[in-house]
């Protein structure tokens, strides 16, 4: 195995993961956060799947949310589409959000990332390989859900790396409309989405939203998009009810975690479905440190959707942060049974087992965490928990390797190299684990070269 990071059971070279950190250059803030929550990611990927199929892209491509109130969406590699929480909250329908997803998917499918890879080489030199991969740990890994991993970024690299030409925008618009039509979703969301940015071109560059800076939104483009969407005729909108449900659920959960609990309580009864209302109230109570009230509300949601893995996962998080460890493990275990391939849920189950400790439980936690690691290479909390479990079980070589990979994922290559060299001396030379450690050492040494 090369590089010590897995994605979908296949090895991914460490330099690929480090290059992925360039996603941060899209963000003008000095600290950024990628929100990791299995429920939100599941909902967004339900919305994305028909679009991705039409675009001929992998179903493994994720739609991830960046915690930022500004309006932006972007891609940096073929593995993910990033949408700012501010943009998601400003959309008014599933159709509008699906157009944004389709547009970003078109940048991938149409090969617009090729030019960016050349720019990325320059950007990495400007910003430095020490930048972190801003991935918050999954809900229930010992930090609050939607927690932040911060990073200062180099704005000089950001602008050049993410600028789109008008030709690329026109190409992406045309492809996006085609994907939506082919998927049975129709094109009406395109105009709704673009209206969000109306008037941006009249503002000075410093006052424009990032999306309007990197995706030129001209009057001519809006007119062309309107004509293009109308040429496809009335929207069939297949599965509109399911699309709307998952859209409202994602928005409801994001707002419940990002808005004050009082705001959520005042608006929860406006939710599309009763279970979404109860979920939002559960999060509000949880944020007020009322875990019992939170569980009570969530049980009402589970009475409506008893086999919903993501409500069981949220219950596990609430119980874990309420220090009800055994009950949290049971809730996470139920969630993992219902969604056995969700890396974030597996990570949370493994974490709940590690925090309880005990040799038998730690031995059972290892395969769970290794599965989580294979399913989602972005989650540094998994490697941290693996390091803790291996250390407590008297396997210092594997513990050092896990911590080395944890540091490497977050761009701390000097620390990663120290731990990887330690792992090299403890692991069997030539073994897969030893090779993983060796790859981290090489990456660390290369990062130190001018």
Protein backbone atom coordinates (compact mmCIF):
# COMPACT_ATOMS: atom_id res chain seq x y z
CA UNK A 1 0.00 0.00 0.00
CA UNK A 2 1.42 3.38 -0.99
CA UNK A 3 1.09 6.51 1.02
CA UNK A 4 -0.72 5.24 4.09
CA UNK A 5 -4.14 6.65 3.24
CA UNK A 6 -7.03 4.61 1.93
CA UNK A 7 -10.06 5.65 -0.07
CA UNK A 8 -12.67 3.04 -0.82
CA UNK A 9 -10.21 0.28 0.04
CA UNK A 10 -7.67 1.44 -2.57
CA UNK A 11 -4.38 3.14 -1.74
CA UNK A 12 -4.12 6.88 -2.27
CA UNK A 13 -0.67 8.42 -2.35
CA UNK A 14 0.10 10.88 0.40
CA UNK A 15 0.96 13.60 -2.09
CA UNK A 16 -2.58 13.30 -3.43
CA UNK A 17 -3.95 14.01 0.03
CA UNK A 18 -1.56 16.92 0.50
CA UNK A 19 -2.59 18.36 -2.85
CA UNK A 20 -6.17 18.08 -1.66
CA UNK A 21 -5.31 20.68 0.98
CA UNK A 22 -5.32 23.26 -1.80
CA UNK A 23 -9.08 23.29 -1.40
CA UNK A 24 -8.47 25.82 1.34
CA UNK A 25 -7.17 28.35 -1.14
CA UNK A 26 -10.74 28.86 -2.28
CA UNK A 27 -11.62 30.53 0.97
CA UNK A 28 -10.85 34.16 1.76
CA UNK A 29 -11.15 33.75 5.53
CA UNK A 30 -8.10 33.19 7.67
CA UNK A 31 -9.60 30.09 9.22
CA UNK A 32 -11.83 27.63 7.41
CA UNK A 33 -13.89 24.63 8.31
CA UNK A 34 -15.17 21.70 6.32
CA UNK A 35 -18.27 20.44 8.11
CA UNK A 36 -18.35 16.68 8.50
CA UNK A 37 -21.70 15.21 9.44
CA UNK A 38 -23.01 11.89 8.06
CA UNK A 39 -26.64 13.02 7.91
CA UNK A 40 -25.87 16.21 6.00
CA UNK A 41 -23.49 14.46 3.62
CA UNK A 42 -26.01 11.68 3.01
CA UNK A 43 -28.75 14.20 2.23
CA UNK A 44 -26.58 16.23 -0.15
CA UNK A 45 -25.33 13.14 -1.90
CA UNK A 46 -28.91 11.91 -2.36
CA UNK A 47 -29.53 15.17 -4.21
CA UNK A 48 -26.29 14.86 -6.17
CA UNK A 49 -26.51 11.24 -7.35
CA UNK A 50 -28.85 11.72 -10.35
CA UNK A 51 -26.73 14.66 -11.51
CA UNK A 52 -23.47 12.75 -11.12
CA UNK A 53 -24.86 9.80 -13.09
CA UNK A 54 -25.87 12.10 -15.92
CA UNK A 55 -22.39 13.67 -15.87
CA UNK A 56 -20.71 10.27 -15.98
CA UNK A 57 -18.92 10.93 -12.69
CA UNK A 58 -18.25 8.50 -9.87
CA UNK A 59 -20.98 8.00 -7.31
CA UNK A 60 -18.22 8.18 -4.69
CA UNK A 61 -17.78 11.90 -5.35
CA UNK A 62 -18.89 13.71 -2.20
CA UNK A 63 -20.69 16.99 -1.72
CA UNK A 64 -19.16 18.66 1.35
CA UNK A 65 -20.10 21.83 3.20
CA UNK A 66 -17.65 24.57 4.13
CA UNK A 67 -18.67 26.60 7.17
CA UNK A 68 -18.65 30.10 5.78
CA UNK A 69 -21.55 32.59 5.55
CA UNK A 70 -20.41 33.90 2.16
CA UNK A 71 -21.78 32.56 -1.11
CA UNK A 72 -19.45 30.18 -2.88
CA UNK A 73 -19.07 26.71 -4.36
CA UNK A 74 -16.00 25.14 -5.94
CA UNK A 75 -14.12 22.01 -6.90
CA UNK A 76 -10.41 21.33 -6.50
CA UNK A 77 -10.14 17.71 -7.64
CA UNK A 78 -12.47 14.98 -8.94
CA UNK A 79 -13.26 13.70 -5.46
CA UNK A 80 -15.55 16.35 -3.99
CA UNK A 81 -17.72 19.40 -4.58
CA UNK A 82 -17.58 22.07 -1.88
CA UNK A 83 -20.50 24.36 -1.06
CA UNK A 84 -20.38 27.17 1.49
CA UNK A 85 -22.98 26.93 4.24
CA UNK A 86 -24.03 30.50 3.41
CA UNK A 87 -24.84 29.56 -0.17
CA UNK A 88 -26.69 26.41 0.84
CA UNK A 89 -28.79 28.40 3.30
CA UNK A 90 -29.57 31.07 0.71
CA UNK A 91 -30.92 28.60 -1.84
CA UNK A 92 -34.68 28.39 -1.91
CA UNK A 93 -35.24 24.93 -3.32
CA UNK A 94 -33.70 21.55 -4.01
CA UNK A 95 -33.74 22.48 -7.70
CA UNK A 96 -31.51 25.53 -7.12
CA UNK A 97 -29.04 23.52 -5.08
CA UNK A 98 -28.98 20.76 -7.68
CA UNK A 99 -28.08 23.29 -10.37
CA UNK A 100 -25.13 24.48 -8.27
CA UNK A 101 -24.02 20.87 -7.81
CA UNK A 102 -24.49 20.18 -11.53
CA UNK A 103 -22.49 23.28 -12.48
CA UNK A 104 -19.54 22.28 -10.28
CA UNK A 105 -19.78 18.70 -11.54
CA UNK A 106 -19.50 20.08 -15.07
CA UNK A 107 -16.18 21.73 -14.22
CA UNK A 108 -14.91 18.25 -13.36
CA UNK A 109 -16.49 16.42 -16.29
CA UNK A 110 -15.39 19.07 -18.80
CA UNK A 111 -11.75 18.89 -17.77
CA UNK A 112 -11.46 22.37 -16.29
CA UNK A 113 -9.32 21.01 -13.47
CA UNK A 114 -6.45 20.24 -15.84
CA UNK A 115 -5.37 23.87 -16.00
CA UNK A 116 -5.79 24.17 -12.26
CA UNK A 117 -3.39 21.33 -11.60
CA UNK A 118 -0.67 23.45 -13.17
CA UNK A 119 -1.74 26.42 -11.07
CA UNK A 120 -1.79 24.15 -8.00
CA UNK A 121 1.91 23.50 -8.37
CA UNK A 122 2.50 27.24 -8.13
CA UNK A 123 -0.07 27.68 -5.36
CA UNK A 124 1.54 24.98 -3.23
CA UNK A 125 4.85 26.77 -3.43
CA UNK A 126 3.24 30.07 -2.47
CA UNK A 127 1.15 28.73 0.38
CA UNK A 128 3.59 26.05 1.55
CA UNK A 129 3.10 22.36 2.14
CA UNK A 130 2.58 23.06 5.83
CA UNK A 131 -1.04 24.07 5.31
CA UNK A 132 -3.56 21.84 7.00
CA UNK A 133 -6.32 19.84 5.45
CA UNK A 134 -9.24 21.55 7.15
CA UNK A 135 -11.44 18.60 7.92
CA UNK A 136 -13.42 18.62 11.15
CA UNK A 137 -13.83 15.29 12.87
CA UNK A 138 -17.11 13.47 12.47
CA UNK A 139 -19.87 14.12 14.95
CA UNK A 140 -19.27 12.15 18.11
CA UNK A 141 -15.49 11.92 17.94
CA UNK A 142 -15.05 13.92 21.10
CA UNK A 143 -15.58 17.35 19.58
CA UNK A 144 -18.89 19.11 18.93
CA UNK A 145 -20.52 18.29 15.62
CA UNK A 146 -19.53 20.65 12.85
CA UNK A 147 -16.40 21.61 14.79
CA UNK A 148 -13.59 23.59 13.18
CA UNK A 149 -10.09 22.80 12.10
CA UNK A 150 -8.58 26.17 11.25
CA UNK A 151 -5.88 27.32 8.88
CA UNK A 152 -4.33 30.50 7.59
CA UNK A 153 -4.16 30.57 3.80
CA UNK A 154 -2.27 32.46 1.13
CA UNK A 155 -4.66 34.78 -0.67
CA UNK A 156 -2.14 35.47 -3.43
CA UNK A 157 -2.40 31.82 -4.47
CA UNK A 158 -6.16 31.61 -3.96
CA UNK A 159 -7.24 34.05 -6.62
CA UNK A 160 -5.30 32.61 -9.51
CA UNK A 161 -6.08 29.03 -8.59
CA UNK A 162 -9.85 29.30 -8.59
CA UNK A 163 -10.59 31.90 -11.26
CA UNK A 164 -12.85 30.65 -14.04
CA UNK A 165 -12.92 31.98 -17.57
CA UNK A 166 -16.21 33.01 -19.12
CA UNK A 167 -15.76 30.22 -21.65
CA UNK A 168 -15.54 27.67 -18.82
CA UNK A 169 -18.62 29.16 -17.18
CA UNK A 170 -20.62 28.95 -20.39
CA UNK A 171 -19.51 25.37 -20.92
CA UNK A 172 -20.38 24.42 -17.35
CA UNK A 173 -23.79 26.10 -17.60
CA UNK A 174 -24.68 24.20 -20.76
CA UNK A 175 -23.53 20.89 -19.31
CA UNK A 176 -25.33 21.51 -16.01
CA UNK A 177 -28.64 22.13 -17.76
CA UNK A 178 -28.14 18.97 -19.81
CA UNK A 179 -27.36 16.88 -16.70
CA UNK A 180 -30.47 18.16 -14.93
CA UNK A 181 -32.64 17.42 -17.96
CA UNK A 182 -31.18 13.93 -18.43
CA UNK A 183 -31.68 13.16 -14.74
CA UNK A 184 -35.34 14.15 -14.90
CA UNK A 185 -34.83 17.15 -12.64
CA UNK A 186 -35.34 19.90 -15.21
CA UNK A 187 -33.70 23.30 -15.40
CA UNK A 188 -35.88 25.63 -13.37
CA UNK A 189 -33.39 25.72 -10.50
CA UNK A 190 -30.75 27.36 -12.69
CA UNK A 191 -32.42 30.75 -12.73
CA UNK A 192 -33.31 30.58 -9.03
CA UNK A 193 -29.67 29.84 -8.22
CA UNK A 194 -28.26 32.64 -10.35
CA UNK A 195 -30.73 35.18 -8.96
CA UNK A 196 -28.95 34.79 -5.62
CA UNK A 197 -26.01 36.64 -7.16
CA UNK A 198 -28.04 39.35 -8.90
CA UNK A 199 -26.31 42.71 -8.68
CA UNK A 200 -22.91 41.31 -7.72
CA UNK A 201 -21.23 42.68 -10.86
CA UNK A 202 -22.09 46.26 -9.81
CA UNK A 203 -20.15 45.89 -6.55
CA UNK A 204 -16.47 46.49 -6.08
CA UNK A 205 -14.38 43.31 -6.10
CA UNK A 206 -13.75 43.51 -2.37
CA UNK A 207 -17.51 43.48 -1.68
CA UNK A 208 -18.46 40.66 -4.06
CA UNK A 209 -19.19 37.19 -2.80
CA UNK A 210 -16.43 34.66 -3.60
CA UNK A 211 -18.66 32.82 -6.07
CA UNK A 212 -19.17 36.00 -8.11
CA UNK A 213 -15.41 36.57 -8.11
CA UNK A 214 -14.47 33.06 -9.25
CA UNK A 215 -17.61 32.41 -11.37
CA UNK A 216 -18.36 35.55 -13.43
CA UNK A 217 -22.10 36.29 -13.17
CA UNK A 218 -22.85 38.78 -15.94
CA UNK A 219 -26.21 39.93 -17.28
CA UNK A 220 -25.33 38.25 -20.58
CA UNK A 221 -24.65 34.98 -18.81
CA UNK A 222 -27.95 35.17 -16.96
CA UNK A 223 -29.84 35.84 -20.20
CA UNK A 224 -28.08 32.93 -21.91
CA UNK A 225 -28.83 30.65 -18.99
CA UNK A 226 -32.49 31.67 -19.04
CA UNK A 227 -32.79 30.92 -22.76
CA UNK A 228 -30.93 27.65 -22.35
CA UNK A 229 -33.15 26.45 -19.51
CA UNK A 230 -36.32 27.40 -21.39
CA UNK A 231 -35.18 25.46 -24.46
CA UNK A 232 -35.54 22.23 -22.49
CA UNK A 233 -39.24 22.80 -21.91
CA UNK A 234 -41.26 22.14 -18.71
CA UNK A 235 -39.52 20.48 -15.80
CA UNK A 236 -40.47 16.83 -15.22
CA UNK A 237 -39.00 16.97 -11.68
CA UNK A 238 -38.91 13.26 -10.96
CA UNK A 239 -38.67 12.35 -7.28
CA UNK A 240 -39.42 15.95 -6.37
CA UNK A 241 -40.84 14.97 -2.97
CA UNK A 242 -37.73 13.01 -1.98
CA UNK A 243 -35.43 15.75 -3.29
CA UNK A 244 -37.26 18.37 -1.27
CA UNK A 245 -37.25 16.24 1.87
CA UNK A 246 -33.48 15.69 1.85
CA UNK A 247 -32.84 19.30 0.90
CA UNK A 248 -34.92 20.57 3.82
CA UNK A 249 -33.32 18.06 6.18
CA UNK A 250 -29.79 19.15 5.29
CA UNK A 251 -30.68 22.82 5.65
CA UNK A 252 -32.52 22.14 8.90
CA UNK A 253 -29.61 20.35 10.51
CA UNK A 254 -27.00 22.86 9.38
CA UNK A 255 -29.05 25.77 10.69
CA UNK A 256 -29.71 23.96 13.98
CA UNK A 257 -25.98 23.68 14.59
CA UNK A 258 -24.96 27.09 13.27
CA UNK A 259 -27.83 29.31 14.42
CA UNK A 260 -28.52 30.10 18.10
CA UNK A 261 -30.79 27.51 19.80
CA UNK A 262 -33.41 30.20 20.39
CA UNK A 263 -33.56 30.86 16.64
CA UNK A 264 -34.03 27.14 15.96
CA UNK A 265 -36.77 26.75 18.56
CA UNK A 266 -38.72 29.67 17.11
CA UNK A 267 -38.61 28.20 13.60
CA UNK A 268 -38.60 24.43 14.07
CA UNK A 269 -42.35 24.15 13.51
CA UNK A 270 -41.83 25.56 9.99
CA UNK A 271 -40.03 22.34 9.03
CA UNK A 272 -41.25 20.37 6.03
CA UNK A 273 -41.78 17.15 8.00
CA UNK A 274 -42.39 16.40 11.71
CA UNK A 275 -39.24 14.30 12.05
CA UNK A 276 -37.13 17.23 10.79
CA UNK A 277 -38.80 19.46 13.37
CA UNK A 278 -37.99 17.02 16.18
CA UNK A 279 -34.41 16.63 14.94
CA UNK A 280 -33.88 20.40 14.95
CA UNK A 281 -35.30 20.69 18.46
CA UNK A 282 -33.05 17.83 19.57
CA UNK A 283 -29.98 19.69 18.29
CA UNK A 284 -31.13 22.91 19.98
CA UNK A 285 -31.49 21.09 23.32
CA UNK A 286 -28.16 19.37 22.80
CA UNK A 287 -26.42 22.70 22.28
CA UNK A 288 -27.97 23.89 25.55
CA UNK A 289 -26.39 20.86 27.30
CA UNK A 290 -29.79 19.24 27.86
CA UNK A 291 -28.97 15.74 26.63
CA UNK A 292 -32.09 14.21 28.15
CA UNK A 293 -34.36 16.71 26.40
CA UNK A 294 -32.42 16.21 23.19
CA UNK A 295 -32.84 12.43 23.33
CA UNK A 296 -36.53 12.83 24.07
CA UNK A 297 -37.04 14.94 20.95
CA UNK A 298 -34.91 12.61 18.82
CA UNK A 299 -36.88 9.59 20.00
CA UNK A 300 -39.96 11.32 18.56
CA UNK A 301 -38.18 11.54 15.21
CA UNK A 302 -37.16 7.89 15.48
CA UNK A 303 -40.76 6.90 16.16
CA UNK A 304 -41.52 8.21 12.67
CA UNK A 305 -38.35 6.83 11.02
CA UNK A 306 -37.18 3.94 13.23
CA UNK A 307 -34.67 2.62 10.69
CA UNK A 308 -33.04 5.95 9.96
CA UNK A 309 -29.30 5.39 10.49
CA UNK A 310 -28.57 9.09 10.73
CA UNK A 311 -31.03 9.78 13.53
CA UNK A 312 -29.48 6.90 15.46
CA UNK A 313 -26.07 8.42 14.76
CA UNK A 314 -27.19 11.80 16.12
CA UNK A 315 -28.57 10.06 19.19
CA UNK A 316 -25.17 8.46 19.68
CA UNK A 317 -23.46 11.84 19.47
CA UNK A 318 -25.85 13.40 21.98
CA UNK A 319 -25.36 10.52 24.42
CA UNK A 320 -21.60 10.48 23.96
CA UNK A 321 -21.25 14.19 24.65
CA UNK A 322 -23.59 13.67 27.61
CA UNK A 323 -21.03 11.10 28.85
CA UNK A 324 -23.51 8.22 28.50
CA UNK A 325 -20.84 6.09 26.85
CA UNK A 326 -22.45 2.65 26.83
CA UNK A 327 -25.75 4.02 25.49
CA UNK A 328 -23.85 6.03 22.88
CA UNK A 329 -22.04 2.92 21.69
CA UNK A 330 -25.35 1.08 21.37
CA UNK A 331 -26.84 3.92 19.31
CA UNK A 332 -23.79 4.10 17.04
CA UNK A 333 -23.82 0.33 16.64
CA UNK A 334 -27.45 0.46 15.52
CA UNK A 335 -26.57 3.25 13.07
CA UNK A 336 -23.63 1.25 11.67
CA UNK A 337 -25.89 -1.76 11.15
CA UNK A 338 -28.28 0.38 9.11
CA UNK A 339 -25.48 2.16 7.18
CA UNK A 340 -22.55 -0.28 7.27
CA UNK A 341 -20.43 1.57 4.72
CA UNK A 342 -20.65 5.07 6.17
CA UNK A 343 -17.13 5.97 7.28
CA UNK A 344 -18.22 8.77 9.61
CA UNK A 345 -20.64 6.51 11.48
CA UNK A 346 -18.00 3.79 11.79
CA UNK A 347 -15.54 6.38 13.08
CA UNK A 348 -17.99 7.50 15.74
CA UNK A 349 -18.67 3.91 16.81
CA UNK A 350 -14.94 3.26 17.07
CA UNK A 351 -14.41 6.43 19.06
CA UNK A 352 -17.17 5.52 21.52
CA UNK A 353 -15.42 2.19 22.08
CA UNK A 354 -11.97 3.75 22.50
CA UNK A 355 -13.09 6.30 25.09
CA UNK A 356 -14.50 3.48 27.24
CA UNK A 357 -11.25 1.52 27.02
CA UNK A 358 -10.59 -2.02 28.19
CA UNK A 359 -8.56 -4.58 26.29
CA UNK A 360 -11.49 -6.53 24.86
CA UNK A 361 -13.33 -3.43 23.68
CA UNK A 362 -10.18 -1.89 22.20
CA UNK A 363 -9.47 -5.06 20.25
CA UNK A 364 -13.00 -4.93 18.89
CA UNK A 365 -12.59 -1.23 18.05
CA UNK A 366 -9.54 -1.73 15.82
CA UNK A 367 -11.31 -3.37 12.85
CA UNK A 368 -14.13 -0.83 13.12
CA UNK A 369 -11.68 2.06 12.95
CA UNK A 370 -9.69 0.47 10.14
CA UNK A 371 -12.93 0.14 8.14
CA UNK A 372 -13.70 3.79 8.87
CA UNK A 373 -10.22 4.76 7.73
CA UNK A 374 -10.63 2.83 4.48
CA UNK A 375 -14.04 4.38 3.83
CA UNK A 376 -13.09 8.02 4.46
CA UNK A 377 -9.50 9.19 4.20
CA UNK A 378 -10.47 12.77 5.14
CA UNK A 379 -11.23 11.97 8.78
CA UNK A 380 -8.16 12.57 10.91
CA UNK A 381 -10.03 11.63 14.07
CA UNK A 382 -9.97 8.00 12.95
CA UNK A 383 -6.17 7.97 12.85
CA UNK A 384 -6.00 9.66 16.21
CA UNK A 385 -8.26 7.00 17.74
CA UNK A 386 -6.30 4.24 16.03
CA UNK A 387 -3.12 5.64 17.57
CA UNK A 388 -4.71 5.64 21.01
CA UNK A 389 -6.07 2.10 20.65
CA UNK A 390 -2.81 0.65 19.33
CA UNK A 391 -0.84 2.36 22.12
CA UNK A 392 -3.11 0.98 24.84
CA UNK A 393 -2.88 -2.50 23.31
CA UNK A 394 0.92 -2.44 23.40
CA UNK A 395 1.54 -1.98 19.66
CA UNK A 396 3.79 1.11 19.61
CA UNK A 397 4.80 0.72 15.96
CA UNK A 398 1.22 0.87 14.70
CA UNK A 399 0.45 3.65 17.18
CA UNK A 400 3.33 5.76 15.82
CA UNK A 401 2.25 5.04 12.24
CA UNK A 402 -1.32 6.13 12.94
CA UNK A 403 -0.18 9.37 14.57
CA UNK A 404 2.25 9.98 11.70
CA UNK A 405 -0.61 9.68 9.21
CA UNK A 406 -2.76 11.92 11.41
CA UNK A 407 -0.12 14.67 11.31
CA UNK A 408 0.44 14.17 7.58
CA UNK A 409 -3.26 14.53 6.82
CA UNK A 410 -3.28 17.89 8.56
CA UNK A 411 -0.14 19.05 6.78
CA UNK A 412 2.20 18.82 9.77
CA UNK A 413 4.87 16.95 7.84
CA UNK A 414 7.71 17.62 10.24
CA UNK A 415 5.78 15.98 13.11
CA UNK A 416 4.60 13.27 10.71
CA UNK A 417 8.19 12.48 9.76
CA UNK A 418 9.27 12.15 13.39
CA UNK A 419 6.51 9.64 14.15
CA UNK A 420 6.98 7.77 10.87
CA UNK A 421 10.71 7.27 11.51
CA UNK A 422 9.82 5.87 14.92
CA UNK A 423 7.29 3.53 13.30
CA UNK A 424 9.89 2.40 10.75
CA UNK A 425 12.15 1.19 13.54
CA UNK A 426 9.38 -0.74 15.26
CA UNK A 427 7.55 -2.35 12.35
CA UNK A 428 8.65 -5.39 10.36
CA UNK A 429 10.78 -4.16 7.47
CA UNK A 430 9.04 -4.58 4.11
CA UNK A 431 5.60 -5.14 5.62
CA UNK A 432 2.65 -3.08 4.32
CA UNK A 433 2.62 -1.05 7.54
CA UNK A 434 6.37 -0.41 7.28
CA UNK A 435 5.89 0.76 3.68
CA UNK A 436 3.19 3.18 4.81
CA UNK A 437 5.58 4.61 7.35
CA UNK A 438 8.32 4.83 4.74
CA UNK A 439 6.07 6.77 2.38
CA UNK A 440 5.33 9.33 5.11
CA UNK A 441 9.06 9.68 5.77
CA UNK A 442 9.72 10.33 2.09
CA UNK A 443 6.91 12.90 1.91
CA UNK A 444 8.31 14.64 4.99
CA UNK A 445 11.81 14.75 3.52
CA UNK A 446 10.53 16.06 0.20
CA UNK A 447 8.61 18.84 1.96
CA UNK A 448 11.83 20.04 3.59
CA UNK A 449 13.56 20.46 0.25
CA UNK A 450 13.65 23.99 -1.20
